[in-house]
Structures are given as structure tokens and as C-alpha cells.
Amino acid sequence: MTKDELIRRCEEAVKSEESANQIYMKHLSAILQRSELSKEKLEKARTDLSYLIGRNSEHKKILEELLVRIRQEVVDVY
């Protein structure tokens, strides 16, 4: 794989993480506003989706740091 291909794939992964977070946020909002779930189940849903959003944000940060490193390298084959 070339450097440019690796960069492109990492950039796509960053966009996927951003998209997933937006979807999770919409689900969370919908669940909290329109659901007739019990208070305990609503809190569990909030906790679980918040966890997913946090992990996605961490993964996005790792990918962005990796992109910086890749762009600085001279090597073109991975």
C-alpha cells in the first residue's frame, strides 16, 4: 500500500467515526425525548451511547495522530 492510499483510508476512517458519533447522538436524543422506557432503561441507554461516543472520539483522535505521523514519514510503502 502506498503512503497516499494509507492516508486516504485513515481519512475515511476519521469520517466514519465522525458520522457514527452523529448517529449515536441522534439516537440518544430520540430515545430520551420520545421513548416511554423506564427511567432506569433511559439512563442505561444514555450511559451506553455516551460510552460509544467517547470510544469513537478516542479512536478518531488516534487516527488523526497517526495521520500526522504518516505524513511526516519519507517511506512510501506500508
N, C-alpha and C. Protein backbone atom coordinates (compact mmCIF):
# COMPACT_ATOMS: atom_id res chain seq x y z
N MET A 1 0.85 -1.17 0.00
CA MET A 1 0.00 0.00 0.00
C MET A 1 0.90 1.23 0.00
N THR A 2 0.52 2.21 -0.79
CA THR A 2 1.31 3.44 -0.84
C THR A 2 0.93 4.36 0.31
N LYS A 3 1.77 5.34 0.52
CA LYS A 3 1.53 6.32 1.57
C LYS A 3 0.21 7.05 1.32
N ASP A 4 -0.01 7.46 0.07
CA ASP A 4 -1.25 8.18 -0.25
C ASP A 4 -2.49 7.32 0.00
N GLU A 5 -2.42 6.03 -0.32
CA GLU A 5 -3.54 5.14 -0.08
C GLU A 5 -3.81 4.98 1.42
N LEU A 6 -2.75 4.84 2.20
CA LEU A 6 -2.89 4.71 3.64
C LEU A 6 -3.51 5.98 4.23
N ILE A 7 -3.04 7.12 3.77
CA ILE A 7 -3.60 8.40 4.23
C ILE A 7 -5.08 8.49 3.88
N ARG A 8 -5.43 8.11 2.66
CA ARG A 8 -6.83 8.17 2.23
C ARG A 8 -7.71 7.27 3.10
N ARG A 9 -7.23 6.07 3.37
CA ARG A 9 -8.01 5.15 4.19
C ARG A 9 -8.15 5.64 5.63
N CYS A 10 -7.11 6.23 6.16
CA CYS A 10 -7.19 6.78 7.52
C CYS A 10 -8.15 7.97 7.56
N GLU A 11 -8.12 8.80 6.54
CA GLU A 11 -9.05 9.92 6.48
C GLU A 11 -10.50 9.44 6.39
N GLU A 12 -10.73 8.37 5.63
CA GLU A 12 -12.07 7.78 5.55
C GLU A 12 -12.50 7.24 6.92
N ALA A 13 -11.57 6.64 7.63
CA ALA A 13 -11.88 6.11 8.96
C ALA A 13 -12.25 7.25 9.92
N VAL A 14 -11.56 8.37 9.82
CA VAL A 14 -11.89 9.54 10.65
C VAL A 14 -13.31 10.00 10.34
N LYS A 15 -13.66 10.07 9.06
CA LYS A 15 -15.01 10.49 8.67
C LYS A 15 -16.05 9.51 9.19
N SER A 16 -15.72 8.22 9.16
CA SER A 16 -16.65 7.21 9.67
C SER A 16 -16.91 7.39 11.16
N GLU A 17 -15.86 7.69 11.90
CA GLU A 17 -16.01 7.93 13.34
C GLU A 17 -16.89 9.14 13.59
N GLU A 18 -16.68 10.20 12.81
CA GLU A 18 -17.50 11.41 12.96
C GLU A 18 -18.96 11.11 12.65
N SER A 19 -19.18 10.37 11.58
CA SER A 19 -20.54 10.00 11.18
C SER A 19 -21.22 9.15 12.24
N ALA A 20 -20.49 8.18 12.77
CA ALA A 20 -21.05 7.30 13.81
C ALA A 20 -21.45 8.12 15.04
N ASN A 21 -20.60 9.06 15.43
CA ASN A 21 -20.93 9.89 16.59
C ASN A 21 -22.20 10.69 16.36
N GLN A 22 -22.37 11.21 15.16
CA GLN A 22 -23.59 11.97 14.85
C GLN A 22 -24.82 11.07 14.94
N ILE A 23 -24.70 9.85 14.44
CA ILE A 23 -25.82 8.91 14.50
C ILE A 23 -26.13 8.55 15.95
N TYR A 24 -25.10 8.28 16.74
CA TYR A 24 -25.32 7.95 18.15
C TYR A 24 -25.99 9.10 18.89
N MET A 25 -25.57 10.33 18.58
CA MET A 25 -26.17 11.49 19.24
C MET A 25 -27.65 11.61 18.87
N LYS A 26 -27.99 11.37 17.60
CA LYS A 26 -29.39 11.44 17.17
C LYS A 26 -30.21 10.35 17.86
N HIS A 27 -29.65 9.14 17.94
CA HIS A 27 -30.35 8.06 18.63
C HIS A 27 -30.57 8.41 20.10
N LEU A 28 -29.54 8.92 20.73
CA LEU A 28 -29.65 9.28 22.14
C LEU A 28 -30.74 10.33 22.34
N SER A 29 -30.73 11.34 21.49
CA SER A 29 -31.74 12.39 21.59
C SER A 29 -33.15 11.81 21.39
N ALA A 30 -33.31 10.98 20.40
CA ALA A 30 -34.62 10.38 20.12
C ALA A 30 -35.08 9.50 21.28
N ILE A 31 -34.18 8.71 21.80
CA ILE A 31 -34.54 7.82 22.91
C ILE A 31 -34.97 8.63 24.13
N LEU A 32 -34.21 9.65 24.44
CA LEU A 32 -34.51 10.44 25.63
C LEU A 32 -35.78 11.28 25.48
N GLN A 33 -36.07 11.73 24.27
CA GLN A 33 -37.21 12.62 24.07
C GLN A 33 -38.52 11.88 23.78
N ARG A 34 -38.42 10.75 23.08
CA ARG A 34 -39.66 10.11 22.61
C ARG A 34 -39.95 8.75 23.20
N SER A 35 -39.02 8.22 23.94
CA SER A 35 -39.18 6.87 24.44
C SER A 35 -40.05 6.83 25.69
N GLU A 36 -40.76 5.74 25.82
CA GLU A 36 -41.56 5.53 27.02
C GLU A 36 -40.89 4.52 27.94
N LEU A 37 -39.57 4.38 27.79
CA LEU A 37 -38.82 3.46 28.63
C LEU A 37 -38.79 3.97 30.07
N SER A 38 -38.53 3.05 30.97
CA SER A 38 -38.41 3.44 32.37
C SER A 38 -37.19 4.33 32.56
N LYS A 39 -37.18 5.02 33.67
CA LYS A 39 -36.06 5.91 34.00
C LYS A 39 -34.74 5.15 34.00
N GLU A 40 -34.75 3.93 34.54
CA GLU A 40 -33.53 3.12 34.61
C GLU A 40 -33.04 2.73 33.22
N LYS A 41 -33.97 2.35 32.34
CA LYS A 41 -33.58 1.96 30.98
C LYS A 41 -33.10 3.17 30.18
N LEU A 42 -33.71 4.32 30.41
CA LEU A 42 -33.24 5.54 29.75
C LEU A 42 -31.82 5.88 30.18
N GLU A 43 -31.55 5.73 31.48
CA GLU A 43 -30.21 6.01 31.98
C GLU A 43 -29.20 5.02 31.41
N LYS A 44 -29.59 3.77 31.29
CA LYS A 44 -28.70 2.75 30.69
C LYS A 44 -28.41 3.10 29.24
N ALA A 45 -29.44 3.49 28.50
CA ALA A 45 -29.26 3.89 27.10
C ALA A 45 -28.32 5.09 27.00
N ARG A 46 -28.51 6.06 27.88
CA ARG A 46 -27.64 7.24 27.89
C ARG A 46 -26.19 6.84 28.19
N THR A 47 -26.01 5.98 29.18
CA THR A 47 -24.68 5.54 29.57
C THR A 47 -24.01 4.77 28.43
N ASP A 48 -24.74 3.85 27.83
CA ASP A 48 -24.16 3.03 26.75
C ASP A 48 -23.80 3.87 25.52
N LEU A 49 -24.71 4.74 25.11
CA LEU A 49 -24.42 5.57 23.94
C LEU A 49 -23.31 6.58 24.24
N SER A 50 -23.27 7.10 25.43
CA SER A 50 -22.18 8.01 25.80
C SER A 50 -20.84 7.29 25.76
N TYR A 51 -20.83 6.04 26.19
CA TYR A 51 -19.61 5.23 26.13
C TYR A 51 -19.16 5.07 24.68
N LEU A 52 -20.08 4.72 23.79
CA LEU A 52 -19.75 4.54 22.38
C LEU A 52 -19.21 5.84 21.77
N ILE A 53 -19.84 6.94 22.10
CA ILE A 53 -19.41 8.24 21.58
C ILE A 53 -17.99 8.55 22.08
N GLY A 54 -17.73 8.27 23.34
CA GLY A 54 -16.40 8.51 23.89
C GLY A 54 -15.34 7.67 23.23
N ARG A 55 -15.63 6.38 23.02
CA ARG A 55 -14.66 5.50 22.38
C ARG A 55 -14.41 5.92 20.93
N ASN A 56 -15.48 6.30 20.22
CA ASN A 56 -15.31 6.77 18.85
C ASN A 56 -14.44 8.02 18.81
N SER A 57 -14.66 8.91 19.76
CA SER A 57 -13.86 10.14 19.80
C SER A 57 -12.40 9.83 20.06
N GLU A 58 -12.14 8.88 20.95
CA GLU A 58 -10.76 8.47 21.21
C GLU A 58 -10.13 7.84 19.96
N HIS A 59 -10.88 6.99 19.28
CA HIS A 59 -10.36 6.35 18.08
C HIS A 59 -10.08 7.39 17.00
N LYS A 60 -10.96 8.37 16.86
CA LYS A 60 -10.75 9.44 15.89
C LYS A 60 -9.45 10.19 16.21
N LYS A 61 -9.22 10.48 17.48
CA LYS A 61 -8.00 11.18 17.88
C LYS A 61 -6.76 10.36 17.54
N ILE A 62 -6.81 9.05 17.79
CA ILE A 62 -5.68 8.18 17.46
C ILE A 62 -5.42 8.20 15.96
N LEU A 63 -6.48 8.13 15.17
CA LEU A 63 -6.33 8.16 13.71
C LEU A 63 -5.72 9.49 13.25
N GLU A 64 -6.17 10.58 13.84
CA GLU A 64 -5.63 11.89 13.46
C GLU A 64 -4.15 12.00 13.81
N GLU A 65 -3.76 11.46 14.96
CA GLU A 65 -2.34 11.45 15.34
C GLU A 65 -1.54 10.57 14.40
N LEU A 66 -2.11 9.45 14.01
CA LEU A 66 -1.45 8.55 13.06
C LEU A 66 -1.26 9.25 11.71
N LEU A 67 -2.26 9.98 11.27
CA LEU A 67 -2.15 10.71 10.01
C LEU A 67 -0.99 11.71 10.05
N VAL A 68 -0.82 12.39 11.15
CA VAL A 68 0.29 13.34 11.28
C VAL A 68 1.62 12.60 11.12
N ARG A 69 1.75 11.46 11.80
CA ARG A 69 2.99 10.67 11.72
C ARG A 69 3.24 10.16 10.30
N ILE A 70 2.21 9.66 9.65
CA ILE A 70 2.36 9.12 8.29
C ILE A 70 2.80 10.22 7.34
N ARG A 71 2.17 11.37 7.45
CA ARG A 71 2.51 12.48 6.53
C ARG A 71 3.93 12.96 6.71
N GLN A 72 4.50 12.78 7.89
CA GLN A 72 5.87 13.23 8.15
C GLN A 72 6.91 12.21 7.69
N GLU A 73 6.50 10.97 7.46
CA GLU A 73 7.45 9.94 7.09
C GLU A 73 7.86 10.05 5.62
N VAL A 74 9.08 9.61 5.34
CA VAL A 74 9.61 9.61 4.00
C VAL A 74 9.18 8.34 3.24
N VAL A 75 8.97 7.28 3.97
CA VAL A 75 8.61 5.99 3.40
C VAL A 75 7.32 6.11 2.61
N ASP A 76 7.24 5.38 1.45
CA ASP A 76 6.04 5.44 0.62
C ASP A 76 5.36 4.09 0.49
N VAL A 77 5.89 3.07 1.12
CA VAL A 77 5.29 1.73 1.04
C VAL A 77 5.02 1.23 2.44
N TYR A 78 3.79 0.77 2.68
CA TYR A 78 3.40 0.29 4.00
C TYR A 78 2.86 -1.12 3.90
